[in-house]
Amino acid sequence: MKKCILLVICICLLCFVTTACGSSNNKSKVKSGYKVMNCTRLVENSEISKTDMNYELYYKGNYVMEMHSVEKITAEEEILNKYKTAYENSYSKYKDLKYYNHKLEIKDDTLISTVDIDYTKIDMDKLEQLESSVELKEEGNDKKTKYSVYKDGKVLLDKVKDLYEKLGANCKK
């Protein structure tokens, strides 16, 4: 009887640890009703650097609810320091914006930039003010077109996907 109770307690404890402590963010977000689209791009310049970009877009319908990105640049120290300064300058305007988290670190010969944005909680008016529209060249000529991923205070999934693909990423739902 004691062995049986001990076994049940061990099984319950194991279930608690594996489901509560061991669940990943991706699984919990999918369970909460979000679907995931992954966009990736790998750029290799063997003489200078290698850039690996991964974007996870958590969405409902055609609206992006959350975004998690990891960009890794592998290069020599001097080049990494230039990239680091560029990233710091680019992301400094978001430092006081709640629910927009940017982390930058150098590990060995790799610069890692991580961004987490919760569009369900962020002040969208403030975010839109901080971000300017992207200007993209049209195919076949030098004309630039302003491109925005926002509509009515929300981020449109198809616009983000289109933008990432125009910049060379591959996106899959």
C-alpha atoms as a PDB file:
ATOM      1  CA  MET A   1       0.000   0.000   0.000  1.00  0.00           C
ATOM      2  CA  LYS A   2       2.802   2.414   0.904  1.00  0.00           C
ATOM      3  CA  LYS A   3       4.577   1.549  -2.352  1.00  0.00           C
ATOM      4  CA  CYS A   4       1.393   2.250  -4.317  1.00  0.00           C
ATOM      5  CA  ILE A   5       0.892   5.658  -2.647  1.00  0.00           C
ATOM      6  CA  LEU A   6       4.538   6.505  -3.152  1.00  0.00           C
ATOM      7  CA  LEU A   7       4.266   5.533  -6.834  1.00  0.00           C
ATOM      8  CA  VAL A   8       1.143   7.708  -7.308  1.00  0.00           C
ATOM      9  CA  ILE A   9       2.873  10.659  -5.620  1.00  0.00           C
ATOM     10  CA  CYS A  10       5.941  10.198  -7.851  1.00  0.00           C
ATOM     11  CA  ILE A  11       3.780  10.041 -10.991  1.00  0.00           C
ATOM     12  CA  CYS A  12       1.842  13.168  -9.960  1.00  0.00           C
ATOM     13  CA  LEU A  13       5.087  14.987  -9.178  1.00  0.00           C
ATOM     14  CA  LEU A  14       6.580  13.931 -12.523  1.00  0.00           C
ATOM     15  CA  CYS A  15       3.466  15.118 -14.398  1.00  0.00           C
ATOM     16  CA  PHE A  16       3.591  18.471 -12.601  1.00  0.00           C
ATOM     17  CA  VAL A  17       7.264  18.996 -13.359  1.00  0.00           C
ATOM     18  CA  THR A  18       7.024  18.032 -17.037  1.00  0.00           C
ATOM     19  CA  THR A  19       3.871  20.034 -17.803  1.00  0.00           C
ATOM     20  CA  ALA A  20       4.282  23.102 -15.609  1.00  0.00           C
ATOM     21  CA  CYS A  21       8.023  23.562 -15.551  1.00  0.00           C
ATOM     22  CA  GLY A  22       8.962  21.955 -18.815  1.00  0.00           C
ATOM     23  CA  SER A  23       6.502  23.560 -21.214  1.00  0.00           C
ATOM     24  CA  SER A  24       7.974  25.863 -23.821  1.00  0.00           C
ATOM     25  CA  ASN A  25       6.630  29.294 -24.707  1.00  0.00           C
ATOM     26  CA  ASN A  26       5.673  28.086 -28.180  1.00  0.00           C
ATOM     27  CA  LYS A  27       3.422  25.321 -26.866  1.00  0.00           C
ATOM     28  CA  SER A  28       1.668  27.552 -24.357  1.00  0.00           C
ATOM     29  CA  LYS A  29       0.995  30.208 -26.997  1.00  0.00           C
ATOM     30  CA  VAL A  30      -0.360  27.656 -29.442  1.00  0.00           C
ATOM     31  CA  LYS A  31      -2.580  26.252 -26.688  1.00  0.00           C
ATOM     32  CA  SER A  32      -3.899  29.734 -25.956  1.00  0.00           C
ATOM     33  CA  GLY A  33      -5.363  29.831 -29.454  1.00  0.00           C
ATOM     34  CA  TYR A  34      -2.531  31.390 -31.448  1.00  0.00           C
ATOM     35  CA  LYS A  35      -1.161  29.839 -34.589  1.00  0.00           C
ATOM     36  CA  VAL A  36       2.526  30.221 -35.465  1.00  0.00           C
ATOM     37  CA  MET A  37       4.214  31.384 -38.648  1.00  0.00           C
ATOM     38  CA  ASN A  38       8.009  31.042 -38.875  1.00  0.00           C
ATOM     39  CA  CYS A  39      10.093  33.213 -41.167  1.00  0.00           C
ATOM     40  CA  THR A  40      13.789  32.538 -41.698  1.00  0.00           C
ATOM     41  CA  ARG A  41      16.650  33.957 -43.687  1.00  0.00           C
ATOM     42  CA  LEU A  42      20.262  32.871 -43.839  1.00  0.00           C
ATOM     43  CA  VAL A  43      22.841  35.151 -45.446  1.00  0.00           C
ATOM     44  CA  GLU A  44      26.376  33.866 -45.798  1.00  0.00           C
ATOM     45  CA  ASN A  45      29.300  35.971 -46.873  1.00  0.00           C
ATOM     46  CA  SER A  46      32.154  33.595 -46.141  1.00  0.00           C
ATOM     47  CA  GLU A  47      34.760  36.341 -46.163  1.00  0.00           C
ATOM     48  CA  ILE A  48      32.966  38.703 -43.780  1.00  0.00           C
ATOM     49  CA  SER A  49      30.008  37.322 -41.858  1.00  0.00           C
ATOM     50  CA  LYS A  50      27.081  34.931 -41.583  1.00  0.00           C
ATOM     51  CA  THR A  51      23.628  36.149 -40.569  1.00  0.00           C
ATOM     52  CA  ASP A  52      20.874  33.814 -39.381  1.00  0.00           C
ATOM     53  CA  MET A  53      17.458  35.445 -38.844  1.00  0.00           C
ATOM     54  CA  ASN A  54      14.448  33.697 -37.303  1.00  0.00           C
ATOM     55  CA  TYR A  55      11.062  35.279 -36.669  1.00  0.00           C
ATOM     56  CA  GLU A  56       8.126  33.592 -34.936  1.00  0.00           C
ATOM     57  CA  LEU A  57       4.807  35.339 -35.441  1.00  0.00           C
ATOM     58  CA  TYR A  58       1.951  34.252 -33.181  1.00  0.00           C
ATOM     59  CA  TYR A  59      -1.330  35.162 -34.806  1.00  0.00           C
ATOM     60  CA  LYS A  60      -5.115  34.887 -34.659  1.00  0.00           C
ATOM     61  CA  GLY A  61      -6.930  35.294 -37.944  1.00  0.00           C
ATOM     62  CA  ASN A  62      -4.966  37.894 -39.915  1.00  0.00           C
ATOM     63  CA  TYR A  63      -3.613  39.740 -36.863  1.00  0.00           C
ATOM     64  CA  VAL A  64      -0.195  39.260 -35.276  1.00  0.00           C
ATOM     65  CA  MET A  65      -0.600  38.989 -31.514  1.00  0.00           C
ATOM     66  CA  GLU A  66       3.033  38.431 -30.487  1.00  0.00           C
ATOM     67  CA  MET A  67       6.401  38.292 -32.179  1.00  0.00           C
ATOM     68  CA  HIS A  68       9.673  36.668 -31.124  1.00  0.00           C
ATOM     69  CA  SER A  69      12.798  37.158 -33.211  1.00  0.00           C
ATOM     70  CA  VAL A  70      16.379  35.995 -32.945  1.00  0.00           C
ATOM     71  CA  GLU A  71      19.014  37.396 -35.263  1.00  0.00           C
ATOM     72  CA  LYS A  72      22.529  35.959 -35.062  1.00  0.00           C
ATOM     73  CA  ILE A  73      25.537  37.461 -36.771  1.00  0.00           C
ATOM     74  CA  THR A  74      28.779  35.512 -36.776  1.00  0.00           C
ATOM     75  CA  ALA A  75      31.881  37.515 -37.655  1.00  0.00           C
ATOM     76  CA  GLU A  76      35.177  38.876 -36.365  1.00  0.00           C
ATOM     77  CA  GLU A  77      35.130  41.029 -33.223  1.00  0.00           C
ATOM     78  CA  GLU A  78      35.607  44.346 -35.035  1.00  0.00           C
ATOM     79  CA  ILE A  79      32.647  43.689 -37.332  1.00  0.00           C
ATOM     80  CA  LEU A  80      30.480  42.467 -34.424  1.00  0.00           C
ATOM     81  CA  ASN A  81      31.168  45.674 -32.509  1.00  0.00           C
ATOM     82  CA  LYS A  82      29.989  47.737 -35.492  1.00  0.00           C
ATOM     83  CA  TYR A  83      26.806  45.662 -35.728  1.00  0.00           C
ATOM     84  CA  LYS A  84      26.293  45.951 -31.972  1.00  0.00           C
ATOM     85  CA  THR A  85      26.497  49.744 -32.142  1.00  0.00           C
ATOM     86  CA  ALA A  86      24.054  49.775 -35.074  1.00  0.00           C
ATOM     87  CA  TYR A  87      21.581  47.564 -33.193  1.00  0.00           C
ATOM     88  CA  GLU A  88      21.871  49.681 -30.027  1.00  0.00           C
ATOM     89  CA  ASN A  89      21.150  52.829 -32.028  1.00  0.00           C
ATOM     90  CA  SER A  90      18.222  51.216 -33.867  1.00  0.00           C
ATOM     91  CA  TYR A  91      16.543  49.802 -30.772  1.00  0.00           C
ATOM     92  CA  SER A  92      17.256  52.622 -28.301  1.00  0.00           C
ATOM     93  CA  LYS A  93      13.982  54.378 -29.181  1.00  0.00           C
ATOM     94  CA  TYR A  94      12.012  51.375 -27.850  1.00  0.00           C
ATOM     95  CA  LYS A  95      13.730  51.141 -24.448  1.00  0.00           C
ATOM     96  CA  ASP A  96      10.861  52.755 -22.514  1.00  0.00           C
ATOM     97  CA  LEU A  97       8.076  51.016 -24.425  1.00  0.00           C
ATOM     98  CA  LYS A  98       6.405  48.360 -22.269  1.00  0.00           C
ATOM     99  CA  TYR A  99       5.914  44.925 -23.859  1.00  0.00           C
ATOM    100  CA  TYR A 100       8.728  45.596 -26.357  1.00  0.00           C
ATOM    101  CA  ASN A 101      11.785  43.772 -25.100  1.00  0.00           C
ATOM    102  CA  HIS A 102      15.154  43.796 -26.835  1.00  0.00           C
ATOM    103  CA  LYS A 103      18.204  41.898 -25.644  1.00  0.00           C
ATOM    104  CA  LEU A 104      21.627  42.148 -27.246  1.00  0.00           C
ATOM    105  CA  GLU A 105      24.638  40.014 -26.379  1.00  0.00           C
ATOM    106  CA  ILE A 106      27.891  38.791 -27.835  1.00  0.00           C
ATOM    107  CA  LYS A 107      28.834  35.157 -27.246  1.00  0.00           C
ATOM    108  CA  ASP A 108      32.188  34.110 -28.649  1.00  0.00           C
ATOM    109  CA  ASP A 109      32.129  35.229 -32.306  1.00  0.00           C
ATOM    110  CA  THR A 110      28.340  35.723 -32.518  1.00  0.00           C
ATOM    111  CA  LEU A 111      26.147  38.749 -31.863  1.00  0.00           C
ATOM    112  CA  ILE A 112      22.638  37.729 -30.779  1.00  0.00           C
ATOM    113  CA  SER A 113      19.714  40.151 -30.971  1.00  0.00           C
ATOM    114  CA  THR A 114      16.447  38.954 -29.427  1.00  0.00           C
ATOM    115  CA  VAL A 115      13.166  40.871 -29.650  1.00  0.00           C
ATOM    116  CA  ASP A 116       9.858  40.009 -27.985  1.00  0.00           C
ATOM    117  CA  ILE A 117       6.776  42.123 -28.684  1.00  0.00           C
ATOM    118  CA  ASP A 118       3.313  41.554 -27.224  1.00  0.00           C
ATOM    119  CA  TYR A 119       1.001  43.414 -29.589  1.00  0.00           C
ATOM    120  CA  THR A 120      -2.015  42.623 -27.395  1.00  0.00           C
ATOM    121  CA  LYS A 121      -0.623  44.764 -24.562  1.00  0.00           C
ATOM    122  CA  ILE A 122       1.718  47.282 -26.185  1.00  0.00           C
ATOM    123  CA  ASP A 123       0.696  50.906 -26.725  1.00  0.00           C
ATOM    124  CA  MET A 124       0.128  50.636 -30.483  1.00  0.00           C
ATOM    125  CA  ASP A 125      -0.177  54.412 -30.958  1.00  0.00           C
ATOM    126  CA  LYS A 126       3.236  54.917 -29.392  1.00  0.00           C
ATOM    127  CA  LEU A 127       4.723  52.022 -31.380  1.00  0.00           C
ATOM    128  CA  GLU A 128       3.391  53.374 -34.677  1.00  0.00           C
ATOM    129  CA  GLN A 129       4.831  56.802 -33.849  1.00  0.00           C
ATOM    130  CA  LEU A 130       8.256  55.274 -33.212  1.00  0.00           C
ATOM    131  CA  GLU A 131       8.266  53.200 -36.365  1.00  0.00           C
ATOM    132  CA  SER A 132       8.307  54.798 -39.746  1.00  0.00           C
ATOM    133  CA  SER A 133       6.985  53.089 -42.837  1.00  0.00           C
ATOM    134  CA  VAL A 134       9.505  50.975 -44.676  1.00  0.00           C
ATOM    135  CA  GLU A 135      10.424  52.169 -48.139  1.00  0.00           C
ATOM    136  CA  LEU A 136      10.825  49.359 -50.678  1.00  0.00           C
ATOM    137  CA  LYS A 137      11.994  49.568 -54.279  1.00  0.00           C
ATOM    138  CA  GLU A 138       9.496  48.331 -56.832  1.00  0.00           C
ATOM    139  CA  GLU A 139      10.687  45.553 -59.111  1.00  0.00           C
ATOM    140  CA  GLY A 140      11.919  46.768 -62.471  1.00  0.00           C
ATOM    141  CA  ASN A 141      12.537  50.402 -61.471  1.00  0.00           C
ATOM    142  CA  ASP A 142      14.060  52.618 -58.793  1.00  0.00           C
ATOM    143  CA  LYS A 143      10.728  53.950 -57.525  1.00  0.00           C
ATOM    144  CA  LYS A 144      10.331  53.519 -53.759  1.00  0.00           C
ATOM    145  CA  THR A 145       7.001  52.748 -52.136  1.00  0.00           C
ATOM    146  CA  LYS A 146       6.114  53.293 -48.478  1.00  0.00           C
ATOM    147  CA  TYR A 147       5.057  50.064 -46.831  1.00  0.00           C
ATOM    148  CA  SER A 148       3.234  49.712 -43.517  1.00  0.00           C
ATOM    149  CA  VAL A 149       2.163  46.583 -41.630  1.00  0.00           C
ATOM    150  CA  TYR A 150      -0.399  48.437 -39.470  1.00  0.00           C
ATOM    151  CA  LYS A 151      -4.123  48.926 -39.917  1.00  0.00           C
ATOM    152  CA  ASP A 152      -6.546  50.271 -37.314  1.00  0.00           C
ATOM    153  CA  GLY A 153      -4.004  49.842 -34.506  1.00  0.00           C
ATOM    154  CA  LYS A 154      -3.227  46.220 -35.349  1.00  0.00           C
ATOM    155  CA  VAL A 155      -0.421  44.371 -37.104  1.00  0.00           C
ATOM    156  CA  LEU A 156      -1.560  42.538 -40.233  1.00  0.00           C
ATOM    157  CA  LEU A 157      -0.079  39.063 -40.698  1.00  0.00           C
ATOM    158  CA  ASP A 158      -0.232  39.091 -44.492  1.00  0.00           C
ATOM    159  CA  LYS A 159       1.563  42.460 -44.609  1.00  0.00           C
ATOM    160  CA  VAL A 160       4.336  41.247 -42.277  1.00  0.00           C
ATOM    161  CA  LYS A 161       4.710  38.033 -44.291  1.00  0.00           C
ATOM    162  CA  ASP A 162       4.841  40.006 -47.534  1.00  0.00           C
ATOM    163  CA  LEU A 163       7.430  42.404 -46.092  1.00  0.00           C
ATOM    164  CA  TYR A 164       9.671  39.617 -44.760  1.00  0.00           C
ATOM    165  CA  GLU A 165       9.489  37.778 -48.089  1.00  0.00           C
ATOM    166  CA  LYS A 166      10.362  40.964 -50.010  1.00  0.00           C
ATOM    167  CA  LEU A 167      13.415  41.216 -47.769  1.00  0.00           C
ATOM    168  CA  GLY A 168      14.434  37.642 -48.640  1.00  0.00           C
ATOM    169  CA  ALA A 169      12.941  35.532 -45.837  1.00  0.00           C
ATOM    170  CA  ASN A 170      11.053  32.269 -46.287  1.00  0.00           C
ATOM    171  CA  CYS A 171       7.813  32.108 -44.287  1.00  0.00           C
ATOM    172  CA  LYS A 172       5.821  29.004 -43.396  1.00  0.00           C
ATOM    173  CA  LYS A 173       2.647  28.550 -41.363  1.00  0.00           C
END
